[in-house]
N, C-alpha and C. Protein backbone atom coordinates (compact mmCIF):
# COMPACT_ATOMS: atom_id res chain seq x y z
N MET A 1 8.90 -13.30 -11.32
CA MET A 1 9.69 -12.03 -11.20
C MET A 1 10.25 -11.95 -9.87
N ARG A 2 9.48 -12.19 -8.80
CA ARG A 2 9.89 -12.06 -7.50
C ARG A 2 11.08 -13.07 -7.13
N LYS A 3 10.90 -14.24 -7.65
CA LYS A 3 11.93 -15.26 -7.50
C LYS A 3 13.28 -14.81 -8.07
N LEU A 4 13.25 -14.23 -9.27
CA LEU A 4 14.38 -13.71 -10.00
C LEU A 4 14.99 -12.49 -9.26
N SER A 5 14.10 -11.66 -8.77
CA SER A 5 14.63 -10.44 -7.95
C SER A 5 15.34 -10.98 -6.69
N ASP A 6 14.79 -11.86 -5.92
CA ASP A 6 15.30 -12.35 -4.69
C ASP A 6 16.60 -13.05 -5.01
N ALA A 7 16.59 -13.90 -6.04
CA ALA A 7 17.95 -14.57 -6.44
C ALA A 7 18.94 -13.57 -6.82
N GLY A 8 18.60 -12.48 -7.60
CA GLY A 8 19.49 -11.45 -7.91
C GLY A 8 20.13 -10.85 -6.74
N LEU A 9 19.32 -10.49 -5.75
CA LEU A 9 19.89 -9.89 -4.52
C LEU A 9 20.90 -10.81 -3.88
N ARG A 10 20.62 -12.13 -3.79
CA ARG A 10 21.43 -13.14 -3.24
C ARG A 10 22.79 -13.26 -4.04
N VAL A 11 22.58 -13.31 -5.32
CA VAL A 11 23.81 -13.55 -6.12
C VAL A 11 24.65 -12.35 -6.22
N PHE A 12 24.09 -11.23 -6.31
CA PHE A 12 24.88 -9.89 -6.30
C PHE A 12 25.55 -9.75 -4.94
N ALA A 13 24.89 -10.16 -3.88
CA ALA A 13 25.54 -10.08 -2.53
C ALA A 13 26.69 -11.05 -2.43
N ARG A 14 26.55 -12.29 -2.95
CA ARG A 14 27.58 -13.27 -2.81
C ARG A 14 28.80 -13.03 -3.74
N ARG A 15 28.42 -12.67 -4.97
CA ARG A 15 29.49 -12.61 -5.99
C ARG A 15 29.94 -11.25 -6.36
N GLY A 16 29.08 -10.23 -6.06
CA GLY A 16 29.38 -8.92 -6.40
C GLY A 16 28.64 -8.68 -7.68
N TYR A 17 28.27 -7.46 -7.85
CA TYR A 17 27.41 -7.14 -9.03
C TYR A 17 28.18 -7.39 -10.27
N HIS A 18 29.43 -6.90 -10.37
CA HIS A 18 30.17 -7.07 -11.61
C HIS A 18 30.53 -8.50 -11.99
N GLU A 19 30.73 -9.35 -10.90
CA GLU A 19 31.02 -10.80 -11.28
C GLU A 19 29.88 -11.65 -11.44
N ALA A 20 28.73 -11.17 -11.08
CA ALA A 20 27.52 -11.93 -11.15
C ALA A 20 27.15 -12.09 -12.74
N ARG A 21 26.62 -13.29 -13.04
CA ARG A 21 26.22 -13.55 -14.34
C ARG A 21 24.72 -13.90 -14.39
N VAL A 22 23.99 -13.69 -15.43
CA VAL A 22 22.63 -14.07 -15.54
C VAL A 22 22.49 -15.58 -15.28
N ASP A 23 23.40 -16.45 -15.74
CA ASP A 23 23.39 -17.79 -15.46
C ASP A 23 23.30 -18.11 -13.93
N ASP A 24 24.05 -17.41 -13.19
CA ASP A 24 24.09 -17.52 -11.69
C ASP A 24 22.77 -17.20 -11.13
N ILE A 25 22.19 -16.17 -11.69
CA ILE A 25 20.85 -15.66 -11.12
C ILE A 25 19.75 -16.68 -11.43
N VAL A 26 19.79 -17.12 -12.75
CA VAL A 26 18.80 -18.11 -13.17
C VAL A 26 18.94 -19.43 -12.23
N ARG A 27 20.14 -19.85 -12.01
CA ARG A 27 20.32 -21.05 -11.29
C ARG A 27 19.89 -20.87 -9.83
N ALA A 28 20.17 -19.67 -9.21
CA ALA A 28 19.72 -19.53 -7.80
C ALA A 28 18.21 -19.37 -7.82
N ALA A 29 17.53 -18.85 -8.82
CA ALA A 29 16.09 -18.77 -8.89
C ALA A 29 15.44 -20.11 -9.22
N ARG A 30 16.22 -21.05 -9.75
CA ARG A 30 15.69 -22.41 -10.18
C ARG A 30 14.63 -22.09 -11.31
N THR A 31 15.11 -21.28 -12.21
CA THR A 31 14.14 -21.01 -13.38
C THR A 31 15.04 -21.05 -14.64
N SER A 32 14.39 -20.68 -15.80
CA SER A 32 15.10 -20.80 -17.06
C SER A 32 15.59 -19.32 -17.45
N HIS A 33 16.56 -19.40 -18.42
CA HIS A 33 16.99 -18.14 -18.95
C HIS A 33 15.79 -17.42 -19.76
N GLY A 34 14.97 -18.27 -20.34
CA GLY A 34 13.78 -17.72 -21.00
C GLY A 34 12.95 -16.85 -20.10
N THR A 35 12.75 -17.40 -18.85
CA THR A 35 11.97 -16.68 -17.88
C THR A 35 12.72 -15.45 -17.47
N PHE A 36 13.94 -15.48 -17.26
CA PHE A 36 14.72 -14.23 -16.97
C PHE A 36 14.47 -13.22 -17.96
N TYR A 37 14.63 -13.58 -19.23
CA TYR A 37 14.63 -12.62 -20.29
C TYR A 37 13.16 -12.16 -20.61
N LEU A 38 12.14 -12.85 -20.14
CA LEU A 38 10.74 -12.45 -20.17
C LEU A 38 10.64 -11.19 -19.36
N TYR A 39 11.41 -11.07 -18.22
CA TYR A 39 11.14 -9.97 -17.32
C TYR A 39 12.34 -8.87 -17.47
N PHE A 40 13.53 -9.32 -17.70
CA PHE A 40 14.66 -8.46 -17.70
C PHE A 40 15.48 -8.64 -19.00
N ALA A 41 16.01 -7.39 -19.52
CA ALA A 41 16.80 -7.50 -20.64
C ALA A 41 18.16 -7.99 -20.40
N ASN A 42 18.76 -7.76 -19.17
CA ASN A 42 20.02 -8.20 -18.71
C ASN A 42 20.16 -7.94 -17.27
N LYS A 43 21.33 -8.29 -16.71
CA LYS A 43 21.50 -7.96 -15.26
C LYS A 43 21.41 -6.54 -14.77
N GLU A 44 21.80 -5.60 -15.67
CA GLU A 44 21.58 -4.19 -15.40
C GLU A 44 20.14 -3.83 -15.28
N ASP A 45 19.30 -4.44 -16.06
CA ASP A 45 17.86 -4.27 -15.96
C ASP A 45 17.26 -4.79 -14.66
N LEU A 46 17.81 -5.89 -14.21
CA LEU A 46 17.49 -6.47 -12.86
C LEU A 46 17.90 -5.53 -11.81
N LEU A 47 19.13 -5.08 -11.81
CA LEU A 47 19.64 -4.03 -10.89
C LEU A 47 18.76 -2.88 -10.86
N ARG A 48 18.37 -2.35 -11.96
CA ARG A 48 17.49 -1.20 -12.06
C ARG A 48 16.18 -1.44 -11.43
N GLU A 49 15.54 -2.55 -11.47
CA GLU A 49 14.24 -3.00 -10.94
C GLU A 49 14.47 -3.03 -9.40
N LEU A 50 15.60 -3.61 -8.94
CA LEU A 50 15.86 -3.74 -7.59
C LEU A 50 16.21 -2.32 -6.94
N ALA A 51 16.74 -1.42 -7.73
CA ALA A 51 16.98 -0.17 -7.24
C ALA A 51 15.65 0.68 -7.05
N VAL A 52 14.73 0.43 -7.94
CA VAL A 52 13.45 1.03 -7.80
C VAL A 52 12.80 0.60 -6.57
N GLU A 53 12.76 -0.83 -6.30
CA GLU A 53 12.16 -1.34 -5.14
C GLU A 53 12.80 -0.79 -3.90
N CYS A 54 14.14 -0.66 -3.89
CA CYS A 54 14.94 -0.12 -2.70
C CYS A 54 14.61 1.25 -2.48
N ALA A 55 14.55 2.10 -3.48
CA ALA A 55 14.27 3.44 -3.37
C ALA A 55 12.85 3.69 -2.73
N GLN A 56 11.85 2.90 -3.21
CA GLN A 56 10.48 2.96 -2.70
C GLN A 56 10.54 2.64 -1.23
N ALA A 57 11.24 1.59 -0.87
CA ALA A 57 11.31 1.17 0.49
C ALA A 57 11.87 2.26 1.39
N ILE A 58 12.94 2.97 0.92
CA ILE A 58 13.56 3.98 1.64
C ILE A 58 12.72 5.24 1.71
N GLU A 59 12.10 5.57 0.61
CA GLU A 59 11.10 6.66 0.60
C GLU A 59 10.00 6.39 1.61
N SER A 60 9.50 5.22 1.71
CA SER A 60 8.55 4.84 2.59
C SER A 60 9.02 5.13 4.07
N LEU A 61 10.19 4.68 4.34
CA LEU A 61 10.77 4.92 5.70
C LEU A 61 10.69 6.42 5.98
N ALA A 62 11.23 7.13 5.01
CA ALA A 62 11.23 8.67 5.22
C ALA A 62 9.85 9.27 5.50
N ALA A 63 8.90 8.75 4.74
CA ALA A 63 7.52 9.28 4.92
C ALA A 63 6.88 8.86 6.21
N ASP A 64 7.29 7.69 6.71
CA ASP A 64 6.66 7.16 7.94
C ASP A 64 7.46 7.41 9.23
N LEU A 65 8.41 8.35 9.13
CA LEU A 65 9.25 8.63 10.25
C LEU A 65 8.38 9.29 11.33
N PRO A 66 8.35 8.64 12.54
CA PRO A 66 7.52 9.24 13.47
C PRO A 66 8.21 10.34 14.26
N ALA A 67 7.46 11.06 15.11
CA ALA A 67 7.91 12.19 15.86
C ALA A 67 8.96 11.62 16.80
N ILE A 68 10.15 12.28 16.96
CA ILE A 68 11.21 11.84 17.77
C ILE A 68 11.53 12.98 18.78
N GLY A 69 11.06 12.88 19.90
CA GLY A 69 11.33 13.87 20.99
C GLY A 69 12.39 13.44 21.97
N PRO A 70 12.63 14.27 22.88
CA PRO A 70 13.80 13.94 23.75
C PRO A 70 13.44 13.03 24.93
N ASP A 71 12.14 12.52 24.97
CA ASP A 71 11.68 11.65 26.03
C ASP A 71 11.91 10.18 25.62
N ALA A 72 11.43 9.35 26.56
CA ALA A 72 11.49 7.87 26.31
C ALA A 72 10.72 7.39 25.09
N ASP A 73 9.40 8.11 24.85
CA ASP A 73 8.69 7.79 23.74
C ASP A 73 9.42 8.05 22.43
N GLY A 74 10.14 9.18 22.46
CA GLY A 74 10.93 9.60 21.28
C GLY A 74 12.01 8.64 20.96
N GLU A 75 12.74 8.12 22.10
CA GLU A 75 13.79 7.15 22.05
C GLU A 75 13.21 5.81 21.38
N ALA A 76 12.05 5.43 21.83
CA ALA A 76 11.38 4.18 21.31
C ALA A 76 10.97 4.34 19.77
N ALA A 77 10.52 5.53 19.37
CA ALA A 77 10.26 5.84 18.11
C ALA A 77 11.42 5.73 17.21
N LEU A 78 12.42 6.33 17.71
CA LEU A 78 13.77 6.29 16.95
C LEU A 78 14.23 4.81 16.76
N HIS A 79 14.19 3.97 17.92
CA HIS A 79 14.51 2.68 17.82
C HIS A 79 13.81 1.86 16.79
N GLY A 80 12.47 2.18 16.68
CA GLY A 80 11.59 1.34 15.68
C GLY A 80 12.02 1.87 14.22
N PHE A 81 12.23 3.10 14.05
CA PHE A 81 12.64 3.65 12.75
C PHE A 81 14.04 2.94 12.35
N LEU A 82 15.02 2.94 13.27
CA LEU A 82 16.28 2.38 13.05
C LEU A 82 16.22 0.93 12.66
N ARG A 83 15.45 0.23 13.46
CA ARG A 83 15.15 -1.18 13.19
C ARG A 83 14.71 -1.45 11.78
N ARG A 84 13.74 -0.68 11.41
CA ARG A 84 13.22 -0.77 9.91
C ARG A 84 14.23 -0.41 8.96
N PHE A 85 15.08 0.64 9.29
CA PHE A 85 16.08 1.02 8.31
C PHE A 85 17.17 -0.11 8.17
N PHE A 86 17.52 -0.72 9.34
CA PHE A 86 18.49 -1.86 9.29
C PHE A 86 17.86 -3.02 8.49
N ASP A 87 16.67 -3.25 8.67
CA ASP A 87 16.04 -4.39 7.99
C ASP A 87 15.99 -4.10 6.41
N THR A 88 15.71 -2.83 6.08
CA THR A 88 15.69 -2.39 4.65
C THR A 88 17.10 -2.53 4.12
N TYR A 89 18.09 -2.03 4.77
CA TYR A 89 19.41 -2.06 4.49
C TYR A 89 19.99 -3.58 4.27
N ALA A 90 19.64 -4.34 5.22
CA ALA A 90 19.94 -5.80 5.16
C ALA A 90 19.44 -6.40 3.86
N HIS A 91 18.16 -6.12 3.53
CA HIS A 91 17.52 -6.74 2.45
C HIS A 91 18.03 -6.17 1.06
N TYR A 92 18.24 -4.95 0.99
CA TYR A 92 18.73 -4.27 -0.24
C TYR A 92 20.18 -3.81 -0.21
N GLY A 93 20.97 -4.38 0.72
CA GLY A 93 22.29 -3.92 0.86
C GLY A 93 23.15 -3.74 -0.31
N VAL A 94 23.07 -4.84 -1.20
CA VAL A 94 23.84 -4.88 -2.45
C VAL A 94 23.42 -3.69 -3.32
N VAL A 95 22.25 -3.24 -3.37
CA VAL A 95 21.81 -2.12 -4.18
C VAL A 95 22.33 -0.80 -3.58
N ILE A 96 22.18 -0.69 -2.20
CA ILE A 96 22.66 0.47 -1.58
C ILE A 96 24.26 0.61 -1.68
N ARG A 97 24.88 -0.54 -1.55
CA ARG A 97 26.34 -0.48 -1.66
C ARG A 97 26.74 -0.08 -3.10
N ALA A 98 25.94 -0.49 -4.07
CA ALA A 98 26.27 -0.14 -5.49
C ALA A 98 26.11 1.39 -5.64
N TRP A 99 25.13 1.90 -4.90
CA TRP A 99 24.91 3.39 -4.97
C TRP A 99 26.09 4.09 -4.21
N MET A 100 26.38 3.66 -3.08
CA MET A 100 27.39 4.26 -2.29
C MET A 100 28.80 4.16 -2.71
N GLU A 101 29.03 3.02 -3.41
CA GLU A 101 30.43 2.81 -4.00
C GLU A 101 30.56 3.17 -5.47
N ASN A 102 29.57 3.89 -5.94
CA ASN A 102 29.59 4.37 -7.27
C ASN A 102 29.71 3.33 -8.35
N GLN A 103 29.09 2.15 -8.18
CA GLN A 103 29.16 1.05 -9.07
C GLN A 103 28.08 1.15 -10.16
N VAL A 104 27.11 2.05 -10.00
CA VAL A 104 26.02 2.17 -10.96
C VAL A 104 26.34 3.01 -12.11
N SER A 105 26.38 2.57 -13.33
CA SER A 105 26.69 3.40 -14.47
C SER A 105 25.40 4.12 -15.04
N ASP A 106 24.25 3.60 -14.64
CA ASP A 106 22.96 4.20 -15.05
C ASP A 106 22.67 5.33 -14.10
N ARG A 107 22.74 6.53 -14.69
CA ARG A 107 22.55 7.86 -13.86
C ARG A 107 21.08 7.90 -13.26
N LYS A 108 20.12 7.36 -13.93
CA LYS A 108 18.80 7.33 -13.42
C LYS A 108 18.67 6.44 -12.12
N VAL A 109 19.30 5.26 -12.28
CA VAL A 109 19.37 4.42 -11.00
C VAL A 109 20.14 5.08 -9.95
N ASP A 110 21.36 5.62 -10.24
CA ASP A 110 22.12 6.24 -9.25
C ASP A 110 21.33 7.42 -8.59
N ARG A 111 20.52 8.11 -9.34
CA ARG A 111 19.71 9.25 -8.83
C ARG A 111 18.67 8.81 -7.84
N LEU A 112 18.08 7.54 -8.00
CA LEU A 112 17.13 7.02 -7.17
C LEU A 112 17.77 6.91 -5.74
N GLY A 113 18.99 6.43 -5.66
CA GLY A 113 19.67 6.32 -4.43
C GLY A 113 19.91 7.70 -3.75
N VAL A 114 20.37 8.69 -4.50
CA VAL A 114 20.62 10.01 -3.94
C VAL A 114 19.39 10.60 -3.47
N ASP A 115 18.28 10.48 -4.16
CA ASP A 115 16.91 11.05 -3.87
C ASP A 115 16.47 10.33 -2.56
N ALA A 116 16.49 9.10 -2.54
CA ALA A 116 16.02 8.28 -1.37
C ALA A 116 16.71 8.71 -0.09
N PHE A 117 18.07 8.70 -0.13
CA PHE A 117 18.80 9.01 0.99
C PHE A 117 18.63 10.54 1.43
N THR A 118 18.43 11.35 0.46
CA THR A 118 18.15 12.74 0.67
C THR A 118 16.89 13.01 1.41
N HIS A 119 15.79 12.15 1.08
CA HIS A 119 14.56 12.21 1.78
C HIS A 119 14.64 11.73 3.25
N ILE A 120 15.45 10.70 3.41
CA ILE A 120 15.68 10.27 4.86
C ILE A 120 16.30 11.35 5.60
N ALA A 121 17.35 12.07 5.00
CA ALA A 121 18.12 13.13 5.71
C ALA A 121 17.19 14.23 5.99
N GLN A 122 16.31 14.62 5.04
CA GLN A 122 15.27 15.75 5.32
C GLN A 122 14.31 15.37 6.39
N ALA A 123 13.87 14.12 6.39
CA ALA A 123 12.93 13.73 7.42
C ALA A 123 13.57 13.83 8.80
N LEU A 124 14.79 13.33 8.90
CA LEU A 124 15.52 13.35 10.19
C LEU A 124 15.86 14.84 10.59
N GLY A 125 16.07 15.66 9.48
CA GLY A 125 16.30 17.09 9.80
C GLY A 125 15.13 17.74 10.37
N LEU A 126 13.89 17.39 9.85
CA LEU A 126 12.69 17.94 10.37
C LEU A 126 12.47 17.49 11.72
N GLN A 127 12.76 16.26 12.08
CA GLN A 127 12.62 15.80 13.42
C GLN A 127 13.50 16.52 14.38
N LEU A 128 14.76 16.74 13.92
CA LEU A 128 15.73 17.45 14.82
C LEU A 128 15.20 18.88 15.09
N HIS A 129 14.70 19.54 14.02
CA HIS A 129 14.17 20.85 14.24
C HIS A 129 12.96 20.87 15.16
N ALA A 130 11.96 19.89 15.00
CA ALA A 130 10.84 19.81 15.87
C ALA A 130 11.32 19.56 17.32
N ALA A 131 12.37 18.84 17.53
CA ALA A 131 12.87 18.54 18.94
C ALA A 131 13.63 19.68 19.50
N GLY A 132 13.83 20.77 18.69
CA GLY A 132 14.68 21.92 19.04
C GLY A 132 16.11 21.56 19.14
N ALA A 133 16.52 20.72 18.35
CA ALA A 133 18.00 20.23 18.35
C ALA A 133 18.68 20.99 17.20
N PRO A 134 19.96 21.07 17.10
CA PRO A 134 20.64 21.56 15.95
C PRO A 134 20.19 20.68 14.68
N HIS A 135 20.08 21.39 13.61
CA HIS A 135 19.62 20.71 12.38
C HIS A 135 20.33 21.25 11.18
N ASP A 136 21.51 21.70 11.32
CA ASP A 136 22.32 22.24 10.17
C ASP A 136 22.81 21.13 9.27
N GLU A 137 23.41 21.39 8.21
CA GLU A 137 23.82 20.47 7.22
C GLU A 137 24.89 19.47 7.84
N ALA A 138 25.72 20.06 8.53
CA ALA A 138 26.91 19.23 9.16
C ALA A 138 26.34 18.24 10.18
N THR A 139 25.36 18.65 10.99
CA THR A 139 24.69 17.75 11.86
C THR A 139 23.98 16.72 11.22
N ILE A 140 23.24 16.99 10.20
CA ILE A 140 22.46 15.95 9.47
C ILE A 140 23.39 14.98 8.71
N ALA A 141 24.47 15.54 8.14
CA ALA A 141 25.42 14.76 7.52
C ALA A 141 26.04 13.72 8.47
N ALA A 142 26.39 14.15 9.63
CA ALA A 142 27.01 13.30 10.71
C ALA A 142 26.01 12.17 11.02
N LEU A 143 24.70 12.51 11.23
CA LEU A 143 23.68 11.65 11.59
C LEU A 143 23.52 10.64 10.48
N MET A 144 23.51 11.05 9.22
CA MET A 144 23.34 10.05 8.10
C MET A 144 24.54 9.17 7.93
N ALA A 145 25.69 9.71 8.17
CA ALA A 145 26.97 8.84 8.06
C ALA A 145 26.93 7.80 9.16
N MET A 146 26.53 8.07 10.36
CA MET A 146 26.50 7.09 11.34
C MET A 146 25.44 6.01 11.04
N LEU A 147 24.31 6.48 10.52
CA LEU A 147 23.19 5.58 10.11
C LEU A 147 23.61 4.61 9.05
N GLU A 148 24.16 5.20 7.95
CA GLU A 148 24.45 4.49 6.82
C GLU A 148 25.72 3.52 7.16
N ARG A 149 26.72 4.02 7.75
CA ARG A 149 27.88 3.22 8.00
C ARG A 149 27.59 2.09 8.98
N THR A 150 26.87 2.37 9.98
CA THR A 150 26.47 1.29 10.87
C THR A 150 25.68 0.19 10.18
N SER A 151 24.76 0.56 9.39
CA SER A 151 23.91 -0.37 8.60
C SER A 151 24.82 -1.12 7.61
N TYR A 152 25.83 -0.43 7.03
CA TYR A 152 26.72 -1.19 6.07
C TYR A 152 27.48 -2.23 6.83
N ALA A 153 28.03 -1.83 7.99
CA ALA A 153 28.86 -2.73 8.87
C ALA A 153 27.99 -3.91 9.22
N MET A 154 26.73 -3.75 9.60
CA MET A 154 25.87 -4.79 10.05
C MET A 154 25.53 -5.77 8.91
N SER A 155 25.39 -5.20 7.73
CA SER A 155 24.86 -6.02 6.68
C SER A 155 25.95 -6.55 5.68
N SER A 156 27.06 -5.92 5.76
CA SER A 156 28.12 -6.21 4.72
C SER A 156 29.35 -6.93 5.26
N ARG A 157 29.55 -6.74 6.60
CA ARG A 157 30.81 -7.26 7.09
C ARG A 157 30.49 -8.27 8.14
N ASP A 158 31.26 -9.32 8.25
CA ASP A 158 31.03 -10.32 9.35
C ASP A 158 31.90 -9.82 10.51
N LEU A 159 31.45 -8.95 11.20
CA LEU A 159 32.18 -8.33 12.33
C LEU A 159 31.92 -9.02 13.74
N GLY A 160 30.96 -9.86 13.73
CA GLY A 160 30.61 -10.56 14.89
C GLY A 160 29.82 -9.79 15.84
N LEU A 161 29.23 -8.67 15.33
CA LEU A 161 28.38 -7.81 16.19
C LEU A 161 27.01 -8.35 16.36
N ASP A 162 26.50 -8.19 17.53
CA ASP A 162 25.09 -8.59 17.80
C ASP A 162 24.22 -7.54 17.26
N ARG A 163 23.31 -7.92 16.43
CA ARG A 163 22.40 -6.94 15.74
C ARG A 163 21.64 -5.99 16.81
N ALA A 164 21.08 -6.70 17.82
CA ALA A 164 20.24 -6.08 18.88
C ALA A 164 21.05 -5.08 19.62
N VAL A 165 22.32 -5.50 19.87
CA VAL A 165 23.20 -4.60 20.69
C VAL A 165 23.57 -3.30 19.83
N ALA A 166 23.84 -3.73 18.59
CA ALA A 166 24.24 -2.49 17.60
C ALA A 166 22.99 -1.53 17.52
N LEU A 167 21.86 -2.10 17.36
CA LEU A 167 20.70 -1.28 17.23
C LEU A 167 20.32 -0.44 18.46
N ASP A 168 20.48 -1.06 19.66
CA ASP A 168 20.31 -0.34 20.89
C ASP A 168 21.36 0.77 21.06
N THR A 169 22.58 0.39 20.77
CA THR A 169 23.67 1.37 20.88
C THR A 169 23.48 2.53 19.98
N LEU A 170 23.18 2.19 18.70
CA LEU A 170 22.99 3.35 17.86
C LEU A 170 21.82 4.23 18.19
N THR A 171 20.84 3.60 18.61
CA THR A 171 19.59 4.39 19.03
C THR A 171 20.01 5.31 20.23
N ARG A 172 20.73 4.76 21.18
CA ARG A 172 21.17 5.56 22.34
C ARG A 172 22.02 6.75 21.96
N VAL A 173 22.97 6.44 21.04
CA VAL A 173 24.00 7.45 20.72
C VAL A 173 23.14 8.63 19.82
N ILE A 174 22.41 8.12 18.92
CA ILE A 174 21.71 9.16 18.17
C ILE A 174 20.62 9.97 18.99
N HIS A 175 19.94 9.33 19.82
CA HIS A 175 18.91 9.98 20.61
C HIS A 175 19.56 10.90 21.63
N ARG A 176 20.48 10.40 22.29
CA ARG A 176 21.25 11.38 23.30
C ARG A 176 22.01 12.35 22.58
N GLY A 177 22.63 12.11 21.58
CA GLY A 177 23.54 13.08 20.93
C GLY A 177 22.88 14.10 20.02
N PHE A 178 21.67 13.77 19.48
CA PHE A 178 21.04 14.50 18.54
C PHE A 178 19.73 15.12 19.03
N PHE A 179 18.92 14.34 19.80
CA PHE A 179 17.58 14.75 20.00
C PHE A 179 17.40 15.29 21.35
N VAL A 180 18.20 14.91 22.43
CA VAL A 180 18.10 15.38 23.74
C VAL A 180 18.70 16.75 23.84
N THR A 181 17.89 17.75 24.00
CA THR A 181 18.35 19.07 24.01
C THR A 181 18.84 19.66 25.37
N SER A 182 18.39 19.03 26.55
CA SER A 182 18.78 19.46 27.78
C SER A 182 18.84 18.23 28.74
N ARG A 183 19.79 18.31 29.69
CA ARG A 183 19.90 17.18 30.66
C ARG A 183 20.05 17.74 31.97
């Protein structure tokens, strides 16, 4: 099942969800159609399973978000969180893009994405509040937009950006712009 899931992620990323075929996934996993259908009814079922995995990974990130204060330790904590978010986005990018680009016709699967990103936003909002920073809906929406769009650009587009530089830059921008309350 893991081989099929990993192959599904690769094939969906390369061909796009709508263009991908079960045959492509089976070939990439180097397994049989029978094995595929033992675990999944169709490619929608595979996407559903991947969405559950992705949502669990994002929920785990939200639950494990460390305290982010205005000092160097807070910046380091934010950097670690953003690195884990980038890693998760890179791994499950095709699923997240399906959520963000409204490609998912299954409302339960779509709801997983909404809920997972809502929990990340809530966790960041709590950290903003704890740091004494503005934490209104517009501030959190701007923070989430930067986080999601930067992750999208890093995992979905060949922009020639250095991942480490992008991570350091995003950390600095978010930490200074959102968490540092006095200078």
